[in-house]
Amino acid sequence: MDFGRLGERGATVTVMCGMNDAGKYTPTMFRFPRKKKQPGLMVGTLPQSVGYCSPNGWTDSNMFLKWLKHFVQFTNGTKEVTHIIVLDGHHSHKTLGAVTYAKEQGIQIIIPPPHCTHIMQPLD
């Protein structure tokens, strides 16, 4: 991918992804620091990856909810077939909308204590 076309040197692109213990990944979600999405931003990404834009490129509660829906699309979780997601303590992960949606989809969210994710998150 050529992020050099983002228009700003050193611009932050947020990448949201998920992986299970068997090594299977959900397609990546990119958040670009732009007002409008351009088709060239997704050139070279893996199939079924998605991209969104925001003025600063950071994650917020709306973007996290979009990622949860993206996650459910590829994991086929239900209340009978639950999934556990280990997340950091970012404020966007702890909203009523995200927690409610996760519960409806059979997703259990685990947030380790602060300053412990480097030890307790297996992907770090």
N, C-alpha and C. Protein backbone atom coordinates (compact mmCIF):
# COMPACT_ATOMS: atom_id res chain seq x y z
N MET A 1 0.84 -1.18 0.00
CA MET A 1 0.00 0.00 0.00
C MET A 1 0.88 1.24 0.00
N ASP A 2 0.42 2.25 -0.65
CA ASP A 2 1.16 3.49 -0.71
C ASP A 2 0.43 4.54 0.10
N PHE A 3 0.79 4.65 1.38
CA PHE A 3 0.17 5.65 2.23
C PHE A 3 0.79 7.02 2.02
N GLY A 4 1.81 7.12 1.18
CA GLY A 4 2.43 8.40 0.90
C GLY A 4 1.49 9.37 0.22
N ARG A 5 0.41 8.85 -0.36
CA ARG A 5 -0.55 9.72 -1.04
C ARG A 5 -1.58 10.30 -0.08
N LEU A 6 -1.41 10.15 1.19
CA LEU A 6 -2.37 10.68 2.14
C LEU A 6 -2.31 12.20 2.24
N GLY A 7 -1.26 12.81 1.73
CA GLY A 7 -1.21 14.26 1.71
C GLY A 7 -0.47 14.88 2.88
N GLU A 8 -0.24 14.13 3.92
CA GLU A 8 0.48 14.65 5.07
C GLU A 8 1.60 13.69 5.42
N ARG A 9 2.75 14.24 5.66
CA ARG A 9 3.86 13.38 6.07
C ARG A 9 3.65 12.98 7.52
N GLY A 10 3.78 11.70 7.78
CA GLY A 10 3.63 11.22 9.14
C GLY A 10 2.19 11.07 9.58
N ALA A 11 1.23 11.01 8.65
CA ALA A 11 -0.17 10.86 9.01
C ALA A 11 -0.41 9.49 9.64
N THR A 12 -1.30 9.42 10.60
CA THR A 12 -1.61 8.18 11.29
C THR A 12 -2.77 7.48 10.61
N VAL A 13 -2.59 6.22 10.27
CA VAL A 13 -3.65 5.38 9.75
C VAL A 13 -3.94 4.34 10.82
N THR A 14 -5.18 4.29 11.27
CA THR A 14 -5.56 3.31 12.29
C THR A 14 -5.93 2.01 11.59
N VAL A 15 -5.42 0.91 12.10
CA VAL A 15 -5.70 -0.41 11.56
C VAL A 15 -6.38 -1.23 12.64
N MET A 16 -7.54 -1.79 12.32
CA MET A 16 -8.28 -2.62 13.26
C MET A 16 -8.38 -4.01 12.67
N CYS A 17 -7.97 -5.01 13.46
CA CYS A 17 -8.01 -6.38 12.96
C CYS A 17 -8.28 -7.33 14.12
N GLY A 18 -8.56 -8.55 13.80
CA GLY A 18 -8.79 -9.57 14.80
C GLY A 18 -8.18 -10.88 14.35
N MET A 19 -7.79 -11.69 15.32
CA MET A 19 -7.18 -12.98 15.01
C MET A 19 -7.56 -13.97 16.11
N ASN A 20 -7.72 -15.23 15.72
CA ASN A 20 -8.02 -16.22 16.75
C ASN A 20 -6.78 -17.07 17.03
N ASP A 21 -6.90 -17.97 17.99
CA ASP A 21 -5.74 -18.77 18.39
C ASP A 21 -5.32 -19.79 17.35
N ALA A 22 -6.14 -20.01 16.33
CA ALA A 22 -5.77 -20.90 15.23
C ALA A 22 -5.05 -20.17 14.11
N GLY A 23 -4.91 -18.84 14.26
CA GLY A 23 -4.20 -18.06 13.26
C GLY A 23 -5.06 -17.49 12.16
N LYS A 24 -6.38 -17.58 12.28
CA LYS A 24 -7.28 -17.03 11.28
C LYS A 24 -7.56 -15.56 11.58
N TYR A 25 -7.42 -14.73 10.55
CA TYR A 25 -7.63 -13.29 10.70
C TYR A 25 -8.97 -12.87 10.12
N THR A 26 -9.57 -11.84 10.72
CA THR A 26 -10.69 -11.17 10.06
C THR A 26 -10.08 -10.15 9.11
N PRO A 27 -10.74 -9.85 8.00
CA PRO A 27 -10.21 -8.84 7.10
C PRO A 27 -10.01 -7.50 7.83
N THR A 28 -8.99 -6.79 7.45
CA THR A 28 -8.57 -5.57 8.13
C THR A 28 -9.53 -4.41 7.85
N MET A 29 -9.69 -3.56 8.85
CA MET A 29 -10.42 -2.31 8.69
C MET A 29 -9.42 -1.17 8.86
N PHE A 30 -9.38 -0.27 7.89
CA PHE A 30 -8.48 0.88 7.91
C PHE A 30 -9.28 2.15 8.18
N ARG A 31 -8.69 3.03 8.95
CA ARG A 31 -9.28 4.35 9.19
C ARG A 31 -8.25 5.37 8.75
N PHE A 32 -8.56 6.09 7.65
CA PHE A 32 -7.64 7.04 7.06
C PHE A 32 -7.93 8.47 7.53
N PRO A 33 -6.87 9.26 7.75
CA PRO A 33 -7.07 10.66 8.16
C PRO A 33 -7.37 11.53 6.94
N ARG A 34 -8.61 11.47 6.48
CA ARG A 34 -9.06 12.22 5.30
C ARG A 34 -10.53 12.57 5.46
N LYS A 35 -10.98 13.56 4.71
CA LYS A 35 -12.40 13.89 4.71
C LYS A 35 -13.18 12.99 3.76
N LYS A 36 -12.57 12.65 2.62
CA LYS A 36 -13.25 11.83 1.62
C LYS A 36 -12.38 10.63 1.25
N LYS A 37 -13.03 9.50 1.08
CA LYS A 37 -12.32 8.28 0.70
C LYS A 37 -12.04 8.29 -0.81
N GLN A 38 -10.83 7.93 -1.15
CA GLN A 38 -10.45 7.80 -2.55
C GLN A 38 -10.18 6.33 -2.84
N PRO A 39 -10.59 5.85 -4.02
CA PRO A 39 -10.43 4.43 -4.34
C PRO A 39 -8.99 3.93 -4.21
N GLY A 40 -8.01 4.75 -4.49
CA GLY A 40 -6.63 4.33 -4.44
C GLY A 40 -6.13 3.98 -3.05
N LEU A 41 -6.83 4.38 -2.02
CA LEU A 41 -6.38 4.10 -0.66
C LEU A 41 -6.40 2.61 -0.34
N MET A 42 -7.27 1.87 -0.97
CA MET A 42 -7.41 0.45 -0.66
C MET A 42 -6.64 -0.45 -1.63
N VAL A 43 -5.90 0.14 -2.56
CA VAL A 43 -5.13 -0.65 -3.51
C VAL A 43 -4.06 -1.44 -2.75
N GLY A 44 -4.00 -2.73 -2.99
CA GLY A 44 -3.00 -3.57 -2.35
C GLY A 44 -3.42 -4.17 -1.02
N THR A 45 -4.61 -3.86 -0.55
CA THR A 45 -5.07 -4.46 0.70
C THR A 45 -5.61 -5.85 0.43
N LEU A 46 -5.76 -6.62 1.48
CA LEU A 46 -6.28 -7.98 1.34
C LEU A 46 -7.75 -7.95 0.94
N PRO A 47 -8.23 -9.00 0.28
CA PRO A 47 -9.65 -9.06 -0.10
C PRO A 47 -10.55 -8.90 1.12
N GLN A 48 -11.64 -8.24 0.94
CA GLN A 48 -12.68 -7.99 1.94
C GLN A 48 -12.26 -7.03 3.04
N SER A 49 -11.08 -6.41 2.91
CA SER A 49 -10.71 -5.34 3.83
C SER A 49 -11.59 -4.13 3.52
N VAL A 50 -11.82 -3.30 4.52
CA VAL A 50 -12.65 -2.11 4.34
C VAL A 50 -11.89 -0.89 4.83
N GLY A 51 -12.26 0.25 4.31
CA GLY A 51 -11.62 1.49 4.72
C GLY A 51 -12.63 2.59 4.95
N TYR A 52 -12.39 3.39 5.96
CA TYR A 52 -13.24 4.53 6.29
C TYR A 52 -12.34 5.75 6.50
N CYS A 53 -12.93 6.91 6.45
CA CYS A 53 -12.17 8.15 6.63
C CYS A 53 -12.75 8.98 7.76
N SER A 54 -11.88 9.73 8.40
CA SER A 54 -12.29 10.71 9.41
C SER A 54 -11.24 11.81 9.40
N PRO A 55 -11.57 12.98 9.88
CA PRO A 55 -10.61 14.08 9.84
C PRO A 55 -9.27 13.77 10.51
N ASN A 56 -9.26 12.99 11.60
CA ASN A 56 -7.99 12.72 12.28
C ASN A 56 -7.50 11.28 12.12
N GLY A 57 -8.32 10.37 11.64
CA GLY A 57 -7.92 8.98 11.45
C GLY A 57 -7.95 8.13 12.70
N TRP A 58 -8.44 8.67 13.79
CA TRP A 58 -8.45 7.92 15.05
C TRP A 58 -9.72 7.10 15.19
N THR A 59 -9.70 6.18 16.12
CA THR A 59 -10.86 5.34 16.40
C THR A 59 -11.78 6.04 17.40
N ASP A 60 -13.06 5.94 17.15
CA ASP A 60 -14.05 6.46 18.09
C ASP A 60 -15.12 5.38 18.28
N SER A 61 -16.15 5.67 19.06
CA SER A 61 -17.16 4.65 19.37
C SER A 61 -17.91 4.19 18.13
N ASN A 62 -18.18 5.10 17.19
CA ASN A 62 -18.87 4.70 15.96
C ASN A 62 -18.01 3.76 15.12
N MET A 63 -16.71 4.06 15.03
CA MET A 63 -15.81 3.22 14.25
C MET A 63 -15.67 1.84 14.90
N PHE A 64 -15.59 1.79 16.22
CA PHE A 64 -15.48 0.49 16.88
C PHE A 64 -16.72 -0.35 16.64
N LEU A 65 -17.90 0.27 16.66
CA LEU A 65 -19.14 -0.46 16.39
C LEU A 65 -19.13 -0.98 14.95
N LYS A 66 -18.63 -0.20 14.02
CA LYS A 66 -18.50 -0.68 12.63
C LYS A 66 -17.57 -1.88 12.57
N TRP A 67 -16.48 -1.81 13.34
CA TRP A 67 -15.55 -2.95 13.36
C TRP A 67 -16.21 -4.19 13.96
N LEU A 68 -16.99 -4.03 15.03
CA LEU A 68 -17.69 -5.18 15.61
C LEU A 68 -18.61 -5.83 14.58
N LYS A 69 -19.33 -5.01 13.83
CA LYS A 69 -20.23 -5.54 12.80
C LYS A 69 -19.42 -6.25 11.71
N HIS A 70 -18.29 -5.69 11.36
CA HIS A 70 -17.39 -6.30 10.38
C HIS A 70 -16.88 -7.64 10.93
N PHE A 71 -16.52 -7.68 12.18
CA PHE A 71 -16.06 -8.90 12.85
C PHE A 71 -17.14 -9.99 12.81
N VAL A 72 -18.37 -9.62 13.15
CA VAL A 72 -19.48 -10.58 13.18
C VAL A 72 -19.74 -11.14 11.78
N GLN A 73 -19.60 -10.30 10.77
CA GLN A 73 -19.83 -10.74 9.39
C GLN A 73 -18.92 -11.91 9.02
N PHE A 74 -17.70 -11.94 9.55
CA PHE A 74 -16.74 -12.98 9.17
C PHE A 74 -16.61 -14.11 10.18
N THR A 75 -17.11 -13.92 11.39
CA THR A 75 -16.99 -14.97 12.39
C THR A 75 -18.28 -15.74 12.60
N ASN A 76 -19.40 -15.19 12.15
CA ASN A 76 -20.69 -15.85 12.26
C ASN A 76 -21.02 -16.21 13.70
N GLY A 77 -20.71 -15.34 14.61
CA GLY A 77 -21.02 -15.58 16.01
C GLY A 77 -22.51 -15.48 16.28
N THR A 78 -22.98 -16.26 17.21
CA THR A 78 -24.38 -16.22 17.66
C THR A 78 -24.38 -16.38 19.17
N LYS A 79 -25.54 -16.29 19.76
CA LYS A 79 -25.62 -16.51 21.20
C LYS A 79 -25.27 -17.95 21.56
N GLU A 80 -25.47 -18.87 20.61
CA GLU A 80 -25.13 -20.27 20.85
C GLU A 80 -23.65 -20.55 20.59
N VAL A 81 -23.05 -19.81 19.66
CA VAL A 81 -21.64 -19.97 19.30
C VAL A 81 -20.95 -18.65 19.64
N THR A 82 -20.49 -18.55 20.87
CA THR A 82 -19.96 -17.28 21.35
C THR A 82 -18.50 -17.08 20.96
N HIS A 83 -18.10 -15.82 20.95
CA HIS A 83 -16.71 -15.44 20.72
C HIS A 83 -16.27 -14.55 21.88
N ILE A 84 -15.02 -14.65 22.24
CA ILE A 84 -14.45 -13.79 23.27
C ILE A 84 -13.45 -12.87 22.60
N ILE A 85 -13.58 -11.58 22.87
CA ILE A 85 -12.65 -10.59 22.31
C ILE A 85 -11.90 -9.95 23.48
N VAL A 86 -10.58 -9.96 23.40
CA VAL A 86 -9.74 -9.30 24.40
C VAL A 86 -9.33 -7.95 23.81
N LEU A 87 -9.68 -6.88 24.51
CA LEU A 87 -9.44 -5.52 24.04
C LEU A 87 -8.67 -4.72 25.07
N ASP A 88 -8.08 -3.62 24.63
CA ASP A 88 -7.48 -2.71 25.60
C ASP A 88 -8.59 -1.83 26.18
N GLY A 89 -8.26 -0.94 27.07
CA GLY A 89 -9.25 -0.13 27.76
C GLY A 89 -9.64 1.15 27.06
N HIS A 90 -9.45 1.25 25.75
CA HIS A 90 -9.80 2.47 25.01
C HIS A 90 -11.27 2.79 25.23
N HIS A 91 -11.59 4.06 25.39
CA HIS A 91 -12.97 4.46 25.70
C HIS A 91 -13.97 4.01 24.64
N SER A 92 -13.55 3.87 23.39
CA SER A 92 -14.48 3.47 22.33
C SER A 92 -14.96 2.03 22.50
N HIS A 93 -14.24 1.22 23.27
CA HIS A 93 -14.62 -0.18 23.48
C HIS A 93 -15.64 -0.35 24.58
N LYS A 94 -15.89 0.70 25.34
CA LYS A 94 -16.72 0.58 26.54
C LYS A 94 -17.99 1.42 26.45
N THR A 95 -18.61 1.49 25.27
CA THR A 95 -19.84 2.25 25.12
C THR A 95 -21.04 1.33 25.24
N LEU A 96 -22.17 1.91 25.57
CA LEU A 96 -23.41 1.13 25.69
C LEU A 96 -23.75 0.48 24.36
N GLY A 97 -23.58 1.20 23.26
CA GLY A 97 -23.88 0.65 21.94
C GLY A 97 -23.03 -0.56 21.61
N ALA A 98 -21.73 -0.48 21.88
CA ALA A 98 -20.81 -1.59 21.58
C ALA A 98 -21.11 -2.80 22.47
N VAL A 99 -21.30 -2.56 23.74
CA VAL A 99 -21.55 -3.67 24.68
C VAL A 99 -22.89 -4.34 24.37
N THR A 100 -23.90 -3.55 24.06
CA THR A 100 -25.22 -4.11 23.73
C THR A 100 -25.15 -4.94 22.46
N TYR A 101 -24.51 -4.40 21.42
CA TYR A 101 -24.39 -5.13 20.16
C TYR A 101 -23.60 -6.42 20.37
N ALA A 102 -22.51 -6.35 21.10
CA ALA A 102 -21.70 -7.54 21.36
C ALA A 102 -22.54 -8.61 22.06
N LYS A 103 -23.28 -8.22 23.05
CA LYS A 103 -24.11 -9.18 23.79
C LYS A 103 -25.15 -9.82 22.87
N GLU A 104 -25.78 -9.02 22.01
CA GLU A 104 -26.78 -9.54 21.08
C GLU A 104 -26.17 -10.55 20.11
N GLN A 105 -24.89 -10.39 19.80
CA GLN A 105 -24.22 -11.26 18.83
C GLN A 105 -23.44 -12.40 19.48
N GLY A 106 -23.56 -12.55 20.78
CA GLY A 106 -22.86 -13.64 21.46
C GLY A 106 -21.37 -13.38 21.64
N ILE A 107 -20.98 -12.12 21.70
CA ILE A 107 -19.58 -11.75 21.89
C ILE A 107 -19.37 -11.33 23.33
N GLN A 108 -18.37 -11.92 23.97
CA GLN A 108 -17.99 -11.52 25.32
C GLN A 108 -16.74 -10.65 25.21
N ILE A 109 -16.80 -9.47 25.77
CA ILE A 109 -15.67 -8.54 25.73
C ILE A 109 -14.92 -8.64 27.04
N ILE A 110 -13.61 -8.84 26.93
CA ILE A 110 -12.74 -8.87 28.12
C ILE A 110 -11.75 -7.71 27.99
N ILE A 111 -11.66 -6.91 29.03
CA ILE A 111 -10.71 -5.80 29.07
C ILE A 111 -9.80 -6.01 30.27
N PRO A 112 -8.53 -6.35 30.02
CA PRO A 112 -7.59 -6.55 31.14
C PRO A 112 -7.37 -5.26 31.93
N PRO A 113 -6.82 -5.36 33.12
CA PRO A 113 -6.53 -4.15 33.91
C PRO A 113 -5.56 -3.23 33.17
N PRO A 114 -5.59 -1.94 33.50
CA PRO A 114 -4.68 -0.98 32.83
C PRO A 114 -3.22 -1.39 32.97
N HIS A 115 -2.44 -1.08 31.95
CA HIS A 115 -0.99 -1.30 31.92
C HIS A 115 -0.61 -2.78 31.99
N CYS A 116 -1.54 -3.67 31.62
CA CYS A 116 -1.25 -5.10 31.62
C CYS A 116 -1.40 -5.74 30.25
N THR A 117 -1.85 -4.97 29.26
CA THR A 117 -2.13 -5.58 27.97
C THR A 117 -0.89 -6.18 27.32
N HIS A 118 0.28 -5.62 27.59
CA HIS A 118 1.50 -6.19 27.00
C HIS A 118 1.78 -7.59 27.54
N ILE A 119 1.21 -7.92 28.68
CA ILE A 119 1.40 -9.25 29.27
C ILE A 119 0.19 -10.15 28.96
N MET A 120 -1.00 -9.57 29.01
CA MET A 120 -2.22 -10.37 28.95
C MET A 120 -2.84 -10.50 27.56
N GLN A 121 -2.43 -9.69 26.59
CA GLN A 121 -2.98 -9.84 25.24
C GLN A 121 -1.99 -10.67 24.41
N PRO A 122 -2.42 -11.82 23.97
CA PRO A 122 -1.50 -12.72 23.28
C PRO A 122 -0.99 -12.20 21.94
N LEU A 123 -1.64 -11.22 21.34
CA LEU A 123 -1.18 -10.71 20.04
C LEU A 123 -0.20 -9.55 20.18
N ASP A 124 -0.03 -9.02 21.36
CA ASP A 124 0.91 -7.90 21.56
C ASP A 124 2.33 -8.40 21.58
